[in-house]
Amino acid sequence: MSKKIQIDVVSDVVCPWCFVGKKHLEKAIYALPEYDIEVRWHPFQLDPTVPENGVNKKEHYAKKFGSIERYEELSQRVVEAGERAGIKFNFKDIVNIPNTLSLHALIHEADKLGRADELKERFLKAFFEEALDLTKKENILKLTRDFGWDDAFVESVLENKETAYWVTQEIRHYQNLGVTGVPFFIINNKYGLSGAQPPEVFIEALKEVGGPVETSEAEACAIDDPNC
């Protein structure tokens, strides 16, 4: 009988290390076909102060990092990590940074259909590889149409204050558990792994659920941390 494992992943849509961590985790899962692994996605906002209509990337990162040049220097590390993970980061063409609450609300709905992983991947790819402006509703609607949802349903989710409330409550829940940086992985509710750990660390952790696992210093994004 295959070993049942649940992995809860706390992450943000505009977190580059979350994209890298997702790819590392997928590689580990692929290497363990004998395991029955369920991945659940949970929201986090690195910057909840971003207005609903988003902010200009250059202005935002120049303020956060001191200059856009400093941001580009720091982002080179994640670009290289992305290449190794199979991600083609396209930071230079990103124009605006969205407030991700509405994107998390849509992933929340997708989770009810067992398709959260699929939509999460689509948003990450659209933002980081295609440099799609996710501050614009028409671009979100285009993505969700390809996903199979009609515009009326998507707009109802985006305007649903109750869904937004539960997403913020879930974010607060993980903050109360001590999550300050993402990605953060919780395996079978027993222990957590912080950051975009290498695939081999995930493999060891999944084999030794609940047991001692030697982790490495892994890259992550944190609130007010000049790492990404």
C-alpha atoms as a PDB file:
ATOM      1  CA  MET A   1       0.000   0.000   0.000  1.00  0.00           C
ATOM      2  CA  SER A   2       1.360   3.435  -0.926  1.00  0.00           C
ATOM      3  CA  LYS A   3       2.212   5.847   1.847  1.00  0.00           C
ATOM      4  CA  LYS A   4      -0.266   8.747   2.096  1.00  0.00           C
ATOM      5  CA  ILE A   5       1.354  12.145   2.555  1.00  0.00           C
ATOM      6  CA  GLN A   6      -0.190  15.615   2.602  1.00  0.00           C
ATOM      7  CA  ILE A   7       1.934  18.656   1.876  1.00  0.00           C
ATOM      8  CA  ASP A   8       0.529  22.092   2.687  1.00  0.00           C
ATOM      9  CA  VAL A   9       2.370  24.831   0.815  1.00  0.00           C
ATOM     10  CA  VAL A  10       2.151  28.449   1.937  1.00  0.00           C
ATOM     11  CA  SER A  11       3.205  30.813  -0.841  1.00  0.00           C
ATOM     12  CA  ASP A  12       2.516  33.987  -2.786  1.00  0.00           C
ATOM     13  CA  VAL A  13       1.899  34.369  -6.512  1.00  0.00           C
ATOM     14  CA  VAL A  14       4.542  37.105  -6.936  1.00  0.00           C
ATOM     15  CA  CYS A  15       7.234  35.242  -4.993  1.00  0.00           C
ATOM     16  CA  PRO A  16       9.951  33.961  -7.366  1.00  0.00           C
ATOM     17  CA  TRP A  17      11.380  31.520  -4.817  1.00  0.00           C
ATOM     18  CA  CYS A  18       7.875  30.054  -4.456  1.00  0.00           C
ATOM     19  CA  PHE A  19       7.991  29.200  -8.167  1.00  0.00           C
ATOM     20  CA  VAL A  20      11.425  27.609  -7.774  1.00  0.00           C
ATOM     21  CA  GLY A  21      10.275  25.726  -4.663  1.00  0.00           C
ATOM     22  CA  LYS A  22       7.230  24.404  -6.526  1.00  0.00           C
ATOM     23  CA  LYS A  23       9.432  22.989  -9.273  1.00  0.00           C
ATOM     24  CA  HIS A  24      11.796  21.409  -6.731  1.00  0.00           C
ATOM     25  CA  LEU A  25       8.876  19.804  -4.911  1.00  0.00           C
ATOM     26  CA  GLU A  26       7.418  18.471  -8.161  1.00  0.00           C
ATOM     27  CA  LYS A  27      10.772  16.907  -9.049  1.00  0.00           C
ATOM     28  CA  ALA A  28      10.856  15.197  -5.658  1.00  0.00           C
ATOM     29  CA  ILE A  29       7.294  13.891  -6.020  1.00  0.00           C
ATOM     30  CA  TYR A  30       8.105  12.558  -9.492  1.00  0.00           C
ATOM     31  CA  ALA A  31      11.027  10.650  -7.984  1.00  0.00           C
ATOM     32  CA  LEU A  32       8.712   8.924  -5.487  1.00  0.00           C
ATOM     33  CA  PRO A  33       5.972   7.244  -7.566  1.00  0.00           C
ATOM     34  CA  GLU A  34       5.310   4.736  -4.775  1.00  0.00           C
ATOM     35  CA  TYR A  35       3.972   7.530  -2.530  1.00  0.00           C
ATOM     36  CA  ASP A  36       0.422   8.921  -2.581  1.00  0.00           C
ATOM     37  CA  ILE A  37       1.160  12.639  -2.186  1.00  0.00           C
ATOM     38  CA  GLU A  38      -1.472  15.372  -2.017  1.00  0.00           C
ATOM     39  CA  VAL A  39      -0.363  18.995  -2.309  1.00  0.00           C
ATOM     40  CA  ARG A  40      -2.577  21.739  -0.930  1.00  0.00           C
ATOM     41  CA  TRP A  41      -1.936  25.425  -1.668  1.00  0.00           C
ATOM     42  CA  HIS A  42      -2.397  28.178   0.899  1.00  0.00           C
ATOM     43  CA  PRO A  43      -2.197  31.963   0.515  1.00  0.00           C
ATOM     44  CA  PHE A  44       0.363  34.459   1.736  1.00  0.00           C
ATOM     45  CA  GLN A  45       0.911  38.107   0.866  1.00  0.00           C
ATOM     46  CA  LEU A  46       4.439  39.436   0.886  1.00  0.00           C
ATOM     47  CA  ASP A  47       3.121  42.981   0.607  1.00  0.00           C
ATOM     48  CA  PRO A  48      -0.566  43.400   1.480  1.00  0.00           C
ATOM     49  CA  THR A  49      -0.102  47.200   1.289  1.00  0.00           C
ATOM     50  CA  VAL A  50       0.033  47.069  -2.511  1.00  0.00           C
ATOM     51  CA  PRO A  51      -3.147  48.845  -3.707  1.00  0.00           C
ATOM     52  CA  GLU A  52      -5.881  46.896  -5.483  1.00  0.00           C
ATOM     53  CA  ASN A  53      -4.844  48.327  -8.853  1.00  0.00           C
ATOM     54  CA  GLY A  54      -1.203  47.357  -8.275  1.00  0.00           C
ATOM     55  CA  VAL A  55       2.014  49.363  -8.370  1.00  0.00           C
ATOM     56  CA  ASN A  56       4.636  50.110 -10.992  1.00  0.00           C
ATOM     57  CA  LYS A  57       7.463  47.587 -10.719  1.00  0.00           C
ATOM     58  CA  LYS A  58      10.352  50.024 -11.140  1.00  0.00           C
ATOM     59  CA  GLU A  59       8.956  52.499  -8.618  1.00  0.00           C
ATOM     60  CA  HIS A  60       8.063  49.729  -6.161  1.00  0.00           C
ATOM     61  CA  TYR A  61      11.422  47.964  -6.265  1.00  0.00           C
ATOM     62  CA  ALA A  62      13.444  51.160  -6.382  1.00  0.00           C
ATOM     63  CA  LYS A  63      11.772  52.134  -3.126  1.00  0.00           C
ATOM     64  CA  LYS A  64      12.158  48.669  -1.586  1.00  0.00           C
ATOM     65  CA  PHE A  65      15.769  48.021  -2.619  1.00  0.00           C
ATOM     66  CA  GLY A  66      17.115  51.555  -2.863  1.00  0.00           C
ATOM     67  CA  SER A  67      17.460  51.443  -6.648  1.00  0.00           C
ATOM     68  CA  ILE A  68      16.202  49.374  -9.568  1.00  0.00           C
ATOM     69  CA  GLU A  69      19.839  48.419 -10.268  1.00  0.00           C
ATOM     70  CA  ARG A  70      20.105  46.850  -6.813  1.00  0.00           C
ATOM     71  CA  TYR A  71      16.921  44.888  -7.478  1.00  0.00           C
ATOM     72  CA  GLU A  72      18.297  43.612 -10.796  1.00  0.00           C
ATOM     73  CA  GLU A  73      21.520  42.585  -9.088  1.00  0.00           C
ATOM     74  CA  LEU A  74      19.641  40.588  -6.434  1.00  0.00           C
ATOM     75  CA  SER A  75      17.264  39.050  -8.978  1.00  0.00           C
ATOM     76  CA  GLN A  76      20.143  37.482 -10.909  1.00  0.00           C
ATOM     77  CA  ARG A  77      20.467  34.808  -8.229  1.00  0.00           C
ATOM     78  CA  VAL A  78      16.874  33.704  -8.652  1.00  0.00           C
ATOM     79  CA  VAL A  79      17.212  33.811 -12.453  1.00  0.00           C
ATOM     80  CA  GLU A  80      20.071  31.314 -12.231  1.00  0.00           C
ATOM     81  CA  ALA A  81      18.138  29.117  -9.795  1.00  0.00           C
ATOM     82  CA  GLY A  82      15.157  29.284 -12.123  1.00  0.00           C
ATOM     83  CA  GLU A  83      17.206  28.115 -15.090  1.00  0.00           C
ATOM     84  CA  ARG A  84      18.308  25.055 -13.124  1.00  0.00           C
ATOM     85  CA  ALA A  85      14.676  24.368 -12.175  1.00  0.00           C
ATOM     86  CA  GLY A  86      13.354  24.830 -15.712  1.00  0.00           C
ATOM     87  CA  ILE A  87      11.922  28.330 -15.238  1.00  0.00           C
ATOM     88  CA  LYS A  88      12.672  31.182 -17.638  1.00  0.00           C
ATOM     89  CA  PHE A  89      12.255  34.226 -15.407  1.00  0.00           C
ATOM     90  CA  ASN A  90      11.494  37.373 -17.396  1.00  0.00           C
ATOM     91  CA  PHE A  91      11.844  40.114 -14.793  1.00  0.00           C
ATOM     92  CA  LYS A  92      12.797  42.835 -17.278  1.00  0.00           C
ATOM     93  CA  ASP A  93       9.401  42.797 -19.028  1.00  0.00           C
ATOM     94  CA  ILE A  94       7.287  42.876 -15.864  1.00  0.00           C
ATOM     95  CA  VAL A  95       5.605  46.296 -15.678  1.00  0.00           C
ATOM     96  CA  ASN A  96       3.313  46.190 -12.645  1.00  0.00           C
ATOM     97  CA  ILE A  97       3.148  44.289  -9.346  1.00  0.00           C
ATOM     98  CA  PRO A  98      -0.399  43.169  -8.423  1.00  0.00           C
ATOM     99  CA  ASN A  99      -2.048  42.927  -5.053  1.00  0.00           C
ATOM    100  CA  THR A 100      -2.368  39.134  -4.944  1.00  0.00           C
ATOM    101  CA  LEU A 101      -5.474  38.822  -2.765  1.00  0.00           C
ATOM    102  CA  SER A 102      -7.793  38.404  -5.772  1.00  0.00           C
ATOM    103  CA  LEU A 103      -5.485  35.791  -7.319  1.00  0.00           C
ATOM    104  CA  HIS A 104      -5.496  33.841  -4.055  1.00  0.00           C
ATOM    105  CA  ALA A 105      -9.305  34.051  -4.035  1.00  0.00           C
ATOM    106  CA  LEU A 106      -9.409  32.390  -7.446  1.00  0.00           C
ATOM    107  CA  ILE A 107      -6.983  29.681  -6.324  1.00  0.00           C
ATOM    108  CA  HIS A 108      -9.226  29.199  -3.271  1.00  0.00           C
ATOM    109  CA  GLU A 109     -12.152  28.479  -5.618  1.00  0.00           C
ATOM    110  CA  ALA A 110     -10.006  26.229  -7.812  1.00  0.00           C
ATOM    111  CA  ASP A 111      -9.123  24.197  -4.721  1.00  0.00           C
ATOM    112  CA  LYS A 112     -12.798  23.237  -4.350  1.00  0.00           C
ATOM    113  CA  LEU A 113     -12.533  21.605  -7.778  1.00  0.00           C
ATOM    114  CA  GLY A 114      -9.190  19.948  -7.095  1.00  0.00           C
ATOM    115  CA  ARG A 115      -7.479  22.283  -9.561  1.00  0.00           C
ATOM    116  CA  ALA A 116      -5.591  24.701  -7.313  1.00  0.00           C
ATOM    117  CA  ASP A 117      -2.196  23.383  -8.388  1.00  0.00           C
ATOM    118  CA  GLU A 118      -3.093  23.904 -12.033  1.00  0.00           C
ATOM    119  CA  LEU A 119      -4.253  27.492 -11.558  1.00  0.00           C
ATOM    120  CA  LYS A 120      -1.333  28.325  -9.261  1.00  0.00           C
ATOM    121  CA  GLU A 121       1.092  27.141 -11.931  1.00  0.00           C
ATOM    122  CA  ARG A 122      -0.712  29.178 -14.586  1.00  0.00           C
ATOM    123  CA  PHE A 123      -0.538  32.389 -12.551  1.00  0.00           C
ATOM    124  CA  LEU A 124       3.161  31.879 -11.719  1.00  0.00           C
ATOM    125  CA  LYS A 125       4.026  31.188 -15.338  1.00  0.00           C
ATOM    126  CA  ALA A 126       1.966  34.122 -16.600  1.00  0.00           C
ATOM    127  CA  PHE A 127       3.568  36.587 -14.189  1.00  0.00           C
ATOM    128  CA  PHE A 128       7.185  35.439 -14.153  1.00  0.00           C
ATOM    129  CA  GLU A 129       7.729  33.969 -17.625  1.00  0.00           C
ATOM    130  CA  GLU A 130       5.195  35.768 -19.795  1.00  0.00           C
ATOM    131  CA  ALA A 131       5.347  39.060 -17.843  1.00  0.00           C
ATOM    132  CA  LEU A 132       1.554  39.280 -18.092  1.00  0.00           C
ATOM    133  CA  ASP A 133       0.161  42.281 -16.225  1.00  0.00           C
ATOM    134  CA  LEU A 134      -1.992  40.682 -13.531  1.00  0.00           C
ATOM    135  CA  THR A 135      -3.188  44.070 -12.290  1.00  0.00           C
ATOM    136  CA  LYS A 136      -5.516  44.122 -15.317  1.00  0.00           C
ATOM    137  CA  LYS A 137      -8.799  42.236 -15.018  1.00  0.00           C
ATOM    138  CA  GLU A 138      -8.898  41.478 -18.750  1.00  0.00           C
ATOM    139  CA  ASN A 139      -5.641  39.531 -18.452  1.00  0.00           C
ATOM    140  CA  ILE A 140      -6.938  37.527 -15.496  1.00  0.00           C
ATOM    141  CA  LEU A 141     -10.117  36.760 -17.438  1.00  0.00           C
ATOM    142  CA  LYS A 142      -8.059  35.581 -20.410  1.00  0.00           C
ATOM    143  CA  LEU A 143      -6.157  33.154 -18.197  1.00  0.00           C
ATOM    144  CA  THR A 144      -9.258  31.834 -16.478  1.00  0.00           C
ATOM    145  CA  ARG A 145     -11.066  31.392 -19.806  1.00  0.00           C
ATOM    146  CA  ASP A 146      -8.232  29.125 -20.891  1.00  0.00           C
ATOM    147  CA  PHE A 147      -8.680  27.436 -17.519  1.00  0.00           C
ATOM    148  CA  GLY A 148     -12.322  26.777 -18.428  1.00  0.00           C
ATOM    149  CA  TRP A 149     -14.148  29.380 -16.324  1.00  0.00           C
ATOM    150  CA  ASP A 150     -16.612  31.891 -17.759  1.00  0.00           C
ATOM    151  CA  ASP A 151     -16.152  35.597 -17.114  1.00  0.00           C
ATOM    152  CA  ALA A 152     -19.287  35.999 -14.992  1.00  0.00           C
ATOM    153  CA  PHE A 153     -18.118  33.376 -12.509  1.00  0.00           C
ATOM    154  CA  VAL A 154     -14.610  34.836 -12.268  1.00  0.00           C
ATOM    155  CA  GLU A 155     -15.922  38.359 -11.750  1.00  0.00           C
ATOM    156  CA  SER A 156     -18.253  37.093  -9.024  1.00  0.00           C
ATOM    157  CA  VAL A 157     -15.253  35.573  -7.215  1.00  0.00           C
ATOM    158  CA  LEU A 158     -13.211  38.763  -7.599  1.00  0.00           C
ATOM    159  CA  GLU A 159     -16.062  40.807  -6.118  1.00  0.00           C
ATOM    160  CA  ASN A 160     -16.944  38.336  -3.346  1.00  0.00           C
ATOM    161  CA  LYS A 161     -16.020  39.975  -0.028  1.00  0.00           C
ATOM    162  CA  GLU A 162     -16.670  36.751   1.896  1.00  0.00           C
ATOM    163  CA  THR A 163     -14.107  34.834  -0.153  1.00  0.00           C
ATOM    164  CA  ALA A 164     -11.593  37.653   0.327  1.00  0.00           C
ATOM    165  CA  TYR A 165     -12.277  37.542   4.070  1.00  0.00           C
ATOM    166  CA  TRP A 166     -11.586  33.800   4.316  1.00  0.00           C
ATOM    167  CA  VAL A 167      -8.389  34.176   2.299  1.00  0.00           C
ATOM    168  CA  THR A 168      -7.134  36.874   4.674  1.00  0.00           C
ATOM    169  CA  GLN A 169      -8.113  34.700   7.637  1.00  0.00           C
ATOM    170  CA  GLU A 170      -6.108  31.813   6.211  1.00  0.00           C
ATOM    171  CA  ILE A 171      -3.108  34.104   5.716  1.00  0.00           C
ATOM    172  CA  ARG A 172      -3.433  35.243   9.335  1.00  0.00           C
ATOM    173  CA  HIS A 173      -3.667  31.615  10.468  1.00  0.00           C
ATOM    174  CA  TYR A 174      -0.288  30.748   8.979  1.00  0.00           C
ATOM    175  CA  GLN A 175       1.249  33.957  10.253  1.00  0.00           C
ATOM    176  CA  ASN A 176       0.046  32.990  13.734  1.00  0.00           C
ATOM    177  CA  LEU A 177       1.760  29.637  13.257  1.00  0.00           C
ATOM    178  CA  GLY A 178       4.998  31.538  12.726  1.00  0.00           C
ATOM    179  CA  VAL A 179       5.254  31.620   8.932  1.00  0.00           C
ATOM    180  CA  THR A 180       7.065  34.844   8.010  1.00  0.00           C
ATOM    181  CA  GLY A 181       8.693  33.808   4.742  1.00  0.00           C
ATOM    182  CA  VAL A 182       7.603  31.770   1.757  1.00  0.00           C
ATOM    183  CA  PRO A 183       7.579  29.204   0.341  1.00  0.00           C
ATOM    184  CA  PHE A 184       6.874  27.214   3.488  1.00  0.00           C
ATOM    185  CA  PHE A 185       6.056  23.507   3.338  1.00  0.00           C
ATOM    186  CA  ILE A 186       4.219  21.564   6.053  1.00  0.00           C
ATOM    187  CA  ILE A 187       4.362  17.768   5.742  1.00  0.00           C
ATOM    188  CA  ASN A 188       1.541  15.744   7.311  1.00  0.00           C
ATOM    189  CA  ASN A 189       1.029  18.544   9.847  1.00  0.00           C
ATOM    190  CA  LYS A 190       4.173  17.308  11.623  1.00  0.00           C
ATOM    191  CA  TYR A 191       6.988  19.593  10.615  1.00  0.00           C
ATOM    192  CA  GLY A 192       7.848  22.339   8.182  1.00  0.00           C
ATOM    193  CA  LEU A 193      10.485  23.105   5.602  1.00  0.00           C
ATOM    194  CA  SER A 194      11.246  26.742   4.865  1.00  0.00           C
ATOM    195  CA  GLY A 195      12.414  28.062   1.524  1.00  0.00           C
ATOM    196  CA  ALA A 196      13.023  26.584  -1.916  1.00  0.00           C
ATOM    197  CA  GLN A 197      14.785  23.494  -0.629  1.00  0.00           C
ATOM    198  CA  PRO A 198      16.660  21.306  -3.150  1.00  0.00           C
ATOM    199  CA  PRO A 199      14.712  18.313  -4.516  1.00  0.00           C
ATOM    200  CA  GLU A 200      16.905  15.890  -2.567  1.00  0.00           C
ATOM    201  CA  VAL A 201      15.879  17.545   0.718  1.00  0.00           C
ATOM    202  CA  PHE A 202      12.211  17.116  -0.174  1.00  0.00           C
ATOM    203  CA  ILE A 203      12.835  13.481  -1.101  1.00  0.00           C
ATOM    204  CA  GLU A 204      14.503  12.783   2.245  1.00  0.00           C
ATOM    205  CA  ALA A 205      11.753  14.626   4.120  1.00  0.00           C
ATOM    206  CA  LEU A 206       8.996  12.687   2.372  1.00  0.00           C
ATOM    207  CA  LYS A 207      10.726   9.387   3.095  1.00  0.00           C
ATOM    208  CA  GLU A 208      11.283  10.290   6.731  1.00  0.00           C
ATOM    209  CA  VAL A 209       7.987  11.999   7.533  1.00  0.00           C
ATOM    210  CA  GLY A 210       8.170  13.213  11.071  1.00  0.00           C
ATOM    211  CA  GLY A 211      11.767  12.120  11.486  1.00  0.00           C
ATOM    212  CA  PRO A 212      14.969  14.188  11.643  1.00  0.00           C
ATOM    213  CA  VAL A 213      15.813  15.729   8.289  1.00  0.00           C
ATOM    214  CA  GLU A 214      18.929  17.705   7.519  1.00  0.00           C
ATOM    215  CA  THR A 215      17.862  20.862   5.674  1.00  0.00           C
ATOM    216  CA  SER A 216      19.960  23.487   3.985  1.00  0.00           C
ATOM    217  CA  GLU A 217      19.798  27.259   3.996  1.00  0.00           C
ATOM    218  CA  ALA A 218      17.181  27.716   1.296  1.00  0.00           C
ATOM    219  CA  GLU A 219      16.123  30.899  -0.429  1.00  0.00           C
ATOM    220  CA  ALA A 220      12.754  32.364   0.513  1.00  0.00           C
ATOM    221  CA  CYS A 221      10.827  35.625   0.284  1.00  0.00           C
ATOM    222  CA  ALA A 222       9.842  37.375   3.489  1.00  0.00           C
ATOM    223  CA  ILE A 223       7.906  40.494   4.337  1.00  0.00           C
ATOM    224  CA  ASP A 224      10.296  43.496   4.388  1.00  0.00           C
ATOM    225  CA  ASP A 225      13.230  41.201   3.583  1.00  0.00           C
ATOM    226  CA  PRO A 226      15.295  42.469   0.618  1.00  0.00           C
ATOM    227  CA  ASN A 227      15.647  39.025  -0.902  1.00  0.00           C
ATOM    228  CA  CYS A 228      13.119  39.277  -3.720  1.00  0.00           C
END
